[in-house]
Amino acid sequence: MMPIERIPDWERRLARQDAFWDCAVLDRPVVTISVPRPVPERPWPAEKQYATYRDRWMDTERVVEDALAAALNTEYLGDALPSAWPNLGPEVFSAFFGIDLEYTADTSWAVPAVTDWADVSHLRFSEDNPYWKKLLEMTDALLDAGKGVYYVGISDIHPGGDAIAAFREPIDLNTDLLTAPDAVKALLRHVNETYAGVFDFYYDKLTKAGQACTSWPGIVSTRKWYVPSNDFSCMISKEMFDEFFLPGIIEECRHTEASIYHLDGPGALRHLDSLLAIEELNAIQWVYGAGNGTASDWTAVYQRCQQAGKGIQLSLVLRELDWLFENLRPEGVWLGVGGVTDAECAAEVIRRVGAWR
């Protein structure tokens, strides 16, 4: 495992995050805090001018320079570890099958390409795909530049319902579940089988380079883990979710040593019991969404997860620490704390979390 040169206790931080998957506590729960260094070690790169948003997203040099500056200009406190992952948007996995992406300053989305379920033969994964080549290029560049500085992670890849919702307008996919169920299930099988190979390709590549396993949720671990999700699920009933998409999510969980489900928005809460019943699922990342309060407004959700023996990843602000200690158990908690401005404040937070019983 590659050491992080500026963090002498990097192995202990990894060990705490490994224990999280088992709802175990070594000496305290995982707590991650990041604050800017008072004096930057590396100048932040000047913002370039691009002809299009796409050009900016595809600039590998910019991605690497931003990653290095972020890692070297940040203090990683508690169990936080520097990481970087190549990002071409949340629907890049669907783009590997030959569809295109449109870009804005902050995100991208797929251009739907399925208009006739009678013929989806044009949806074929290929390593000659330009998005595949670009993501591989970015991964290699981040690896070369980040030795001893940060861990390189796997990109945000969505199989299952989110993948085929990118091929097809989500509102139309709702109807397809009723009118073309066999075609939807066949495409799901094809997509999910492809996903397993894509994940293993990047996991093996990064592991051979001495990387810990990480991705966009920020967890950094020696375990082979990933984050199943289905944002489309907020648009369908529990019964349809269980029939069409739950089997694929179970297979995703079985494909790795550990997994954390990204449960996105109040509309997806109807599926929580189905997810908690997955024996192979280790944890839940509950994202309540903007305008829906803060973590402490969702006590019952976190308690349901803990009662089912699942870990929870949550982010809160300083004033919510008392709520956390009073309502939840420390076992299986991966905690991000915002509103911390300096190392002294962080040390007090870590002391309080360490006393949590």
Protein backbone atom coordinates (compact mmCIF):
# COMPACT_ATOMS: atom_id res chain seq x y z
CA MET A 1 0.00 0.00 0.00
CA MET A 2 1.42 3.38 -1.00
CA PRO A 3 2.24 5.57 2.03
CA ILE A 4 1.01 9.16 2.15
CA GLU A 5 4.19 11.09 2.87
CA ARG A 6 2.74 13.98 4.86
CA ILE A 7 0.52 11.78 7.07
CA PRO A 8 2.58 9.58 9.42
CA ASP A 9 -0.45 7.68 10.78
CA TRP A 10 -1.94 6.85 7.36
CA GLU A 11 -2.03 3.14 8.19
CA ARG A 12 -4.07 3.71 11.35
CA ARG A 13 -6.51 5.89 9.42
CA LEU A 14 -6.98 3.12 6.87
CA ALA A 15 -7.48 0.57 9.66
CA ARG A 16 -10.28 2.63 11.22
CA GLN A 17 -12.03 2.91 7.86
CA ASP A 18 -11.61 -0.84 7.29
CA ALA A 19 -13.27 -1.46 10.66
CA PHE A 20 -16.21 0.76 9.66
CA TRP A 21 -17.36 -1.87 7.16
CA ASP A 22 -17.81 -4.38 10.00
CA CYS A 23 -19.59 -1.87 12.28
CA ALA A 24 -16.52 -2.19 14.49
CA VAL A 25 -14.60 0.49 16.40
CA LEU A 26 -10.84 0.21 16.91
CA ASP A 27 -10.40 3.10 19.34
CA ARG A 28 -13.03 5.55 18.06
CA PRO A 29 -15.38 5.89 15.09
CA VAL A 30 -14.11 7.26 11.81
CA VAL A 31 -14.11 11.05 11.79
CA THR A 32 -12.83 13.07 8.83
CA ILE A 33 -12.10 16.79 8.86
CA SER A 34 -10.33 18.86 6.21
CA VAL A 35 -9.27 22.49 6.52
CA PRO A 36 -7.17 24.72 4.27
CA ARG A 37 -3.50 25.03 5.18
CA PRO A 38 -2.73 28.51 6.58
CA VAL A 39 0.07 28.81 4.03
CA PRO A 40 -0.49 26.98 0.71
CA GLU A 41 2.32 24.64 -0.34
CA ARG A 42 1.50 24.85 -4.05
CA PRO A 43 0.08 27.74 -6.06
CA TRP A 44 -3.49 27.13 -7.17
CA PRO A 45 -3.58 26.81 -10.98
CA ALA A 46 -4.82 29.82 -12.88
CA GLU A 47 -8.21 29.33 -14.50
CA LYS A 48 -7.84 28.69 -18.22
CA GLN A 49 -10.18 29.91 -20.92
CA TYR A 50 -11.94 27.19 -22.92
CA ALA A 51 -14.01 27.30 -26.07
CA THR A 52 -16.60 24.95 -24.54
CA TYR A 53 -17.46 23.36 -21.21
CA ARG A 54 -16.58 19.99 -22.73
CA ASP A 55 -13.04 21.19 -23.42
CA ARG A 56 -12.63 22.11 -19.77
CA TRP A 57 -13.86 18.72 -18.54
CA MET A 58 -11.55 16.92 -20.97
CA ASP A 59 -8.41 18.83 -19.95
CA THR A 60 -6.36 16.14 -18.18
CA GLU A 61 -3.62 18.60 -17.26
CA ARG A 62 -6.14 20.77 -15.41
CA VAL A 63 -7.52 17.75 -13.53
CA VAL A 64 -4.03 16.79 -12.33
CA GLU A 65 -3.02 20.33 -11.37
CA ASP A 66 -6.25 20.79 -9.37
CA ALA A 67 -5.72 17.44 -7.61
CA LEU A 68 -2.15 18.27 -6.59
CA ALA A 69 -3.04 21.74 -5.35
CA ALA A 70 -6.01 20.43 -3.35
CA ALA A 71 -3.92 17.68 -1.72
CA LEU A 72 -0.95 19.89 -0.86
CA ASN A 73 -2.97 22.90 0.31
CA THR A 74 -5.27 20.98 2.66
CA GLU A 75 -4.76 19.70 6.21
CA TYR A 76 -6.25 16.22 6.54
CA LEU A 77 -7.27 15.70 10.15
CA GLY A 78 -8.73 12.79 12.07
CA ASP A 79 -9.00 9.96 9.56
CA ALA A 80 -9.17 12.08 6.42
CA LEU A 81 -6.83 11.02 3.61
CA PRO A 82 -6.13 12.88 0.36
CA SER A 83 -7.70 11.33 -2.72
CA ALA A 84 -8.47 12.23 -6.32
CA TRP A 85 -10.61 10.48 -8.89
CA PRO A 86 -11.15 11.11 -12.61
CA ASN A 87 -14.58 12.53 -13.28
CA LEU A 88 -16.40 12.92 -16.59
CA GLY A 89 -19.84 13.16 -14.99
CA PRO A 90 -22.29 10.76 -13.35
CA GLU A 91 -23.43 9.10 -16.59
CA VAL A 92 -20.00 8.29 -18.04
CA PHE A 93 -20.60 4.56 -17.68
CA SER A 94 -23.59 4.85 -20.02
CA ALA A 95 -21.40 6.83 -22.43
CA PHE A 96 -19.07 3.82 -22.67
CA PHE A 97 -21.89 2.17 -24.66
CA GLY A 98 -21.71 4.74 -27.43
CA ILE A 99 -24.05 7.54 -26.37
CA ASP A 100 -22.92 11.13 -26.00
CA LEU A 101 -22.72 13.49 -23.02
CA GLU A 102 -23.56 17.18 -22.83
CA TYR A 103 -21.65 19.37 -20.39
CA THR A 104 -22.28 22.43 -18.24
CA ALA A 105 -19.86 24.09 -15.84
CA ASP A 106 -20.80 21.71 -13.00
CA THR A 107 -22.17 18.49 -14.43
CA SER A 108 -22.99 16.46 -17.53
CA TRP A 109 -25.89 14.35 -18.72
CA ALA A 110 -26.46 11.71 -21.35
CA VAL A 111 -28.20 12.28 -24.66
CA PRO A 112 -30.91 9.55 -24.76
CA ALA A 113 -30.30 7.07 -27.58
CA VAL A 114 -33.01 4.43 -27.22
CA THR A 115 -36.17 5.24 -29.13
CA ASP A 116 -37.15 1.71 -30.15
CA TRP A 117 -36.81 -1.20 -27.71
CA ALA A 118 -36.88 -3.58 -30.67
CA ASP A 119 -33.30 -2.63 -31.47
CA VAL A 120 -30.77 -1.76 -28.81
CA SER A 121 -27.91 -3.49 -30.62
CA HIS A 122 -26.12 -0.17 -31.10
CA LEU A 123 -25.55 0.02 -27.32
CA ARG A 124 -22.24 -1.80 -27.10
CA PHE A 125 -19.37 -1.21 -24.73
CA SER A 126 -16.03 -0.60 -26.43
CA GLU A 127 -12.53 0.28 -25.22
CA ASP A 128 -12.24 2.37 -28.39
CA ASN A 129 -14.92 4.65 -26.96
CA PRO A 130 -13.57 8.22 -26.53
CA TYR A 131 -14.96 8.54 -22.99
CA TRP A 132 -13.30 5.27 -21.97
CA LYS A 133 -9.99 6.44 -23.43
CA LYS A 134 -10.22 9.82 -21.70
CA LEU A 135 -11.06 8.32 -18.30
CA LEU A 136 -8.14 5.91 -18.63
CA GLU A 137 -5.84 8.77 -19.63
CA MET A 138 -6.91 10.79 -16.58
CA THR A 139 -6.44 7.82 -14.25
CA ASP A 140 -2.90 7.22 -15.53
CA ALA A 141 -2.02 10.92 -15.25
CA LEU A 142 -3.35 11.15 -11.67
CA LEU A 143 -1.36 8.04 -10.74
CA ASP A 144 1.87 9.43 -12.19
CA ALA A 145 1.52 12.79 -10.45
CA GLY A 146 0.14 11.65 -7.11
CA LYS A 147 2.74 9.19 -5.83
CA GLY A 148 2.96 9.66 -2.08
CA VAL A 149 0.59 12.63 -2.24
CA TYR A 150 -2.94 11.23 -2.70
CA TYR A 151 -4.78 8.01 -3.46
CA VAL A 152 -6.38 7.70 -6.88
CA GLY A 153 -9.96 6.45 -6.89
CA ILE A 154 -12.47 4.84 -9.22
CA SER A 155 -14.76 7.19 -11.09
CA ASP A 156 -18.50 7.57 -10.45
CA ILE A 157 -19.99 4.70 -12.47
CA HIS A 158 -23.70 3.85 -12.43
CA PRO A 159 -25.00 0.54 -13.78
CA GLY A 160 -28.55 -0.75 -13.26
CA GLY A 161 -31.49 1.60 -13.41
CA ASP A 162 -29.43 4.77 -13.70
CA ALA A 163 -27.55 3.39 -16.70
CA ILE A 164 -30.65 2.55 -18.72
CA ALA A 165 -32.38 5.77 -17.60
CA ALA A 166 -29.50 7.52 -19.34
CA PHE A 167 -30.12 5.53 -22.53
CA ARG A 168 -33.81 6.35 -22.35
CA GLU A 169 -35.61 9.42 -20.99
CA PRO A 170 -36.47 8.59 -17.33
CA ILE A 171 -40.14 9.44 -17.80
CA ASP A 172 -40.30 7.03 -20.76
CA LEU A 173 -38.52 4.34 -18.77
CA ASN A 174 -41.35 4.51 -16.25
CA THR A 175 -43.75 3.48 -19.00
CA ASP A 176 -41.31 0.88 -20.34
CA LEU A 177 -41.42 -1.01 -17.05
CA LEU A 178 -45.10 -1.66 -17.82
CA THR A 179 -45.05 -2.03 -21.60
CA ALA A 180 -41.64 -3.65 -22.29
CA PRO A 181 -40.59 -5.39 -19.05
CA ASP A 182 -38.68 -8.22 -20.74
CA ALA A 183 -36.67 -5.82 -22.91
CA VAL A 184 -35.79 -3.71 -19.88
CA LYS A 185 -34.67 -6.77 -17.91
CA ALA A 186 -32.54 -8.03 -20.81
CA LEU A 187 -30.77 -4.68 -21.14
CA LEU A 188 -30.26 -4.55 -17.39
CA ARG A 189 -28.53 -7.94 -17.45
CA HIS A 190 -26.23 -6.82 -20.25
CA VAL A 191 -25.38 -3.53 -18.54
CA ASN A 192 -24.72 -5.10 -15.15
CA GLU A 193 -22.47 -7.80 -16.59
CA THR A 194 -20.45 -5.10 -18.35
CA TYR A 195 -20.24 -3.06 -15.16
CA ALA A 196 -18.55 -5.92 -13.28
CA GLY A 197 -15.76 -6.02 -15.85
CA VAL A 198 -15.33 -2.24 -15.87
CA PHE A 199 -15.13 -2.08 -12.08
CA ASP A 200 -12.60 -4.92 -11.92
CA PHE A 201 -10.47 -3.32 -14.62
CA TYR A 202 -10.04 -0.12 -12.63
CA TYR A 203 -9.83 -1.81 -9.24
CA ASP A 204 -7.05 -4.13 -10.46
CA LYS A 205 -5.21 -1.28 -12.15
CA LEU A 206 -5.25 0.90 -9.04
CA THR A 207 -4.45 -1.93 -6.65
CA LYS A 208 -1.36 -2.87 -8.70
CA ALA A 209 -0.25 0.75 -8.34
CA GLY A 210 -0.41 0.49 -4.54
CA GLN A 211 -3.60 2.50 -4.16
CA ALA A 212 -6.15 2.18 -1.39
CA CYS A 213 -9.70 1.77 -2.67
CA THR A 214 -11.62 5.04 -2.81
CA SER A 215 -14.17 6.94 -4.85
CA TRP A 216 -16.45 9.95 -4.66
CA PRO A 217 -18.00 9.23 -1.17
CA GLY A 218 -14.57 9.91 0.36
CA ILE A 219 -14.13 6.57 2.13
CA VAL A 220 -10.54 5.30 1.80
CA SER A 221 -10.00 1.64 2.65
CA THR A 222 -7.88 -1.41 1.93
CA ARG A 223 -11.13 -3.32 1.22
CA LYS A 224 -12.48 -3.81 -2.29
CA TRP A 225 -15.58 -1.63 -2.00
CA TYR A 226 -17.93 0.49 -4.05
CA VAL A 227 -21.18 2.41 -3.88
CA PRO A 228 -24.33 0.92 -5.47
CA SER A 229 -27.08 3.42 -6.24
CA ASN A 230 -30.28 3.97 -8.21
CA ASP A 231 -31.38 7.59 -8.31
CA PHE A 232 -34.11 6.62 -10.78
CA SER A 233 -35.76 4.65 -7.97
CA CYS A 234 -37.44 7.76 -6.55
CA MET A 235 -39.80 7.60 -9.54
CA ILE A 236 -41.08 4.04 -9.02
CA SER A 237 -42.89 1.91 -6.45
CA LYS A 238 -41.28 -0.47 -4.01
CA GLU A 239 -42.76 -3.39 -5.92
CA MET A 240 -41.18 -2.34 -9.23
CA PHE A 241 -37.88 -1.55 -7.54
CA ASP A 242 -37.78 -5.00 -5.96
CA GLU A 243 -38.68 -6.75 -9.23
CA PHE A 244 -36.47 -4.89 -11.69
CA PHE A 245 -33.54 -3.39 -9.83
CA LEU A 246 -33.00 -5.00 -6.45
CA PRO A 247 -31.49 -8.22 -7.91
CA GLY A 248 -28.80 -6.22 -9.72
CA ILE A 249 -27.99 -4.21 -6.59
CA ILE A 250 -27.57 -7.46 -4.65
CA GLU A 251 -25.15 -8.69 -7.33
CA GLU A 252 -23.18 -5.43 -7.07
CA CYS A 253 -22.84 -5.95 -3.33
CA ARG A 254 -21.71 -9.54 -3.82
CA HIS A 255 -19.10 -8.45 -6.34
CA THR A 256 -17.11 -6.50 -3.76
CA GLU A 257 -15.82 -7.07 -0.23
CA ALA A 258 -17.78 -4.11 1.08
CA SER A 259 -20.46 -1.71 -0.17
CA ILE A 260 -22.31 1.44 0.82
CA TYR A 261 -25.64 2.26 -0.87
CA HIS A 262 -26.19 5.86 -1.97
CA LEU A 263 -29.82 6.56 -1.00
CA ASP A 264 -30.70 9.85 -2.67
CA GLY A 265 -33.68 11.93 -1.57
CA PRO A 266 -36.92 11.46 0.37
CA GLY A 267 -38.57 9.82 -2.65
CA ALA A 268 -36.14 6.91 -2.37
CA LEU A 269 -36.89 6.19 1.30
CA ARG A 270 -39.68 3.80 0.31
CA HIS A 271 -36.92 1.38 -0.71
CA LEU A 272 -34.94 1.50 2.54
CA ASP A 273 -36.37 -1.72 3.99
CA SER A 274 -35.54 -3.62 0.80
CA LEU A 275 -31.96 -2.35 0.96
CA LEU A 276 -31.51 -3.06 4.65
CA ALA A 277 -32.53 -6.67 3.98
CA ILE A 278 -29.50 -7.18 1.69
CA GLU A 279 -27.16 -9.31 3.77
CA GLU A 280 -24.09 -8.34 1.75
CA LEU A 281 -24.70 -4.57 2.03
CA ASN A 282 -22.53 -3.00 4.74
CA ALA A 283 -23.71 0.60 4.99
CA ILE A 284 -26.07 3.35 3.86
CA GLN A 285 -25.19 6.86 2.72
CA TRP A 286 -28.42 8.80 3.22
CA VAL A 287 -28.54 12.03 1.20
CA TYR A 288 -31.65 13.99 2.20
CA GLY A 289 -31.02 16.77 -0.33
CA ALA A 290 -30.95 20.55 -0.32
CA GLY A 291 -33.89 22.14 1.45
CA ASN A 292 -34.62 19.03 3.51
CA GLY A 293 -32.91 20.05 6.73
CA THR A 294 -29.71 18.65 8.17
CA ALA A 295 -28.63 15.25 9.46
CA SER A 296 -30.29 15.77 12.85
CA ASP A 297 -33.69 16.12 11.14
CA TRP A 298 -33.47 12.49 10.01
CA THR A 299 -32.86 10.66 13.27
CA ALA A 300 -35.36 7.88 12.50
CA VAL A 301 -33.66 6.99 9.21
CA TYR A 302 -30.23 6.63 10.80
CA GLN A 303 -31.69 4.64 13.68
CA ARG A 304 -33.42 2.24 11.28
CA CYS A 305 -30.10 1.63 9.55
CA GLN A 306 -28.30 0.93 12.81
CA GLN A 307 -31.09 -1.32 14.07
CA ALA A 308 -30.66 -3.39 10.89
CA GLY A 309 -26.95 -3.78 11.62
CA LYS A 310 -25.79 -1.45 8.84
CA GLY A 311 -23.17 1.25 9.04
CA ILE A 312 -23.98 4.86 8.20
CA GLN A 313 -22.00 7.60 6.52
CA LEU A 314 -23.18 11.04 7.54
CA SER A 315 -21.97 14.60 7.45
CA LEU A 316 -22.95 17.15 10.07
CA VAL A 317 -21.93 20.49 11.50
CA LEU A 318 -20.43 21.20 14.91
CA ARG A 319 -23.71 22.04 16.63
CA GLU A 320 -25.06 18.57 15.78
CA LEU A 321 -22.45 16.62 17.73
CA ASP A 322 -24.60 16.46 20.87
CA TRP A 323 -27.51 15.14 18.79
CA LEU A 324 -25.23 12.46 17.35
CA PHE A 325 -24.01 11.26 20.76
CA GLU A 326 -27.51 11.21 22.23
CA ASN A 327 -29.33 9.40 19.41
CA LEU A 328 -26.93 7.05 17.60
CA ARG A 329 -24.35 4.41 18.46
CA PRO A 330 -20.66 4.83 17.55
CA GLU A 331 -20.38 1.38 15.94
CA GLY A 332 -20.43 1.61 12.17
CA VAL A 333 -20.37 5.41 11.92
CA TRP A 334 -18.28 7.18 9.27
CA LEU A 335 -18.46 10.84 10.18
CA GLY A 336 -17.62 13.97 8.24
CA VAL A 337 -17.69 17.20 10.22
CA GLY A 338 -18.14 20.61 8.61
CA GLY A 339 -17.69 24.07 10.06
CA VAL A 340 -14.25 23.30 11.51
CA THR A 341 -11.86 26.16 10.81
CA ASP A 342 -8.53 25.08 12.29
CA ALA A 343 -6.54 22.18 13.75
CA GLU A 344 -7.29 23.17 17.36
CA CYS A 345 -11.04 22.98 16.79
CA ALA A 346 -10.59 19.68 14.94
CA ALA A 347 -8.64 18.22 17.86
CA GLU A 348 -11.53 19.01 20.21
CA VAL A 349 -14.02 17.35 17.84
CA ILE A 350 -11.85 14.24 17.63
CA ARG A 351 -11.51 14.15 21.43
CA ARG A 352 -15.29 14.31 21.84
CA VAL A 353 -15.90 11.60 19.23
CA GLY A 354 -13.27 9.47 20.95
CA ALA A 355 -15.22 9.72 24.23
CA TRP A 356 -18.48 8.66 22.58
CA ARG A 357 -19.81 5.43 24.06
